[in-house]
Amino acid sequence: MGILTSMAEQPVASRSRRGVPIRLPEERWAHISENHPEVGLLKEQVLDTISDPDLELSGQRGAVLAASRSQSTGKWLVVVFREAHSEDGFIITAYLTGKIDESRITWRR
């Protein structure tokens, strides 16, 4: 993809399904790695889940939850992010879960 920069001058880590550049600030990756160590080795999958999810769900305060199901474990990798506007967004957190709230699904592959 090459290095793109967002309005905040941080490298763009991925793009949402809608084409919005999504940043992964180092502070957020440190938070994810420390609080969800099982996700700490899945950085590439986290970024891929934003651009190519199996599902999207509505989150709190305008957040989007992108989810991809792991073929090896059967668990869902959920990446929570916010699209601040059409030219900038950022990752809030990511985690693994066994269940998805079907009532919150807004898009399905």
Foldseek 3Di string as FASTA:
>chain_A
DDWDAFPVRATFLAAACLGAGEDEDPVQLVVQCVVAVVCNVVSVVLRVQRNDAQFWFADPPQWIWRWHADPVPRWIKIWIKHRPDRHYIYTRYIHIDNDDDPVGTPDGD
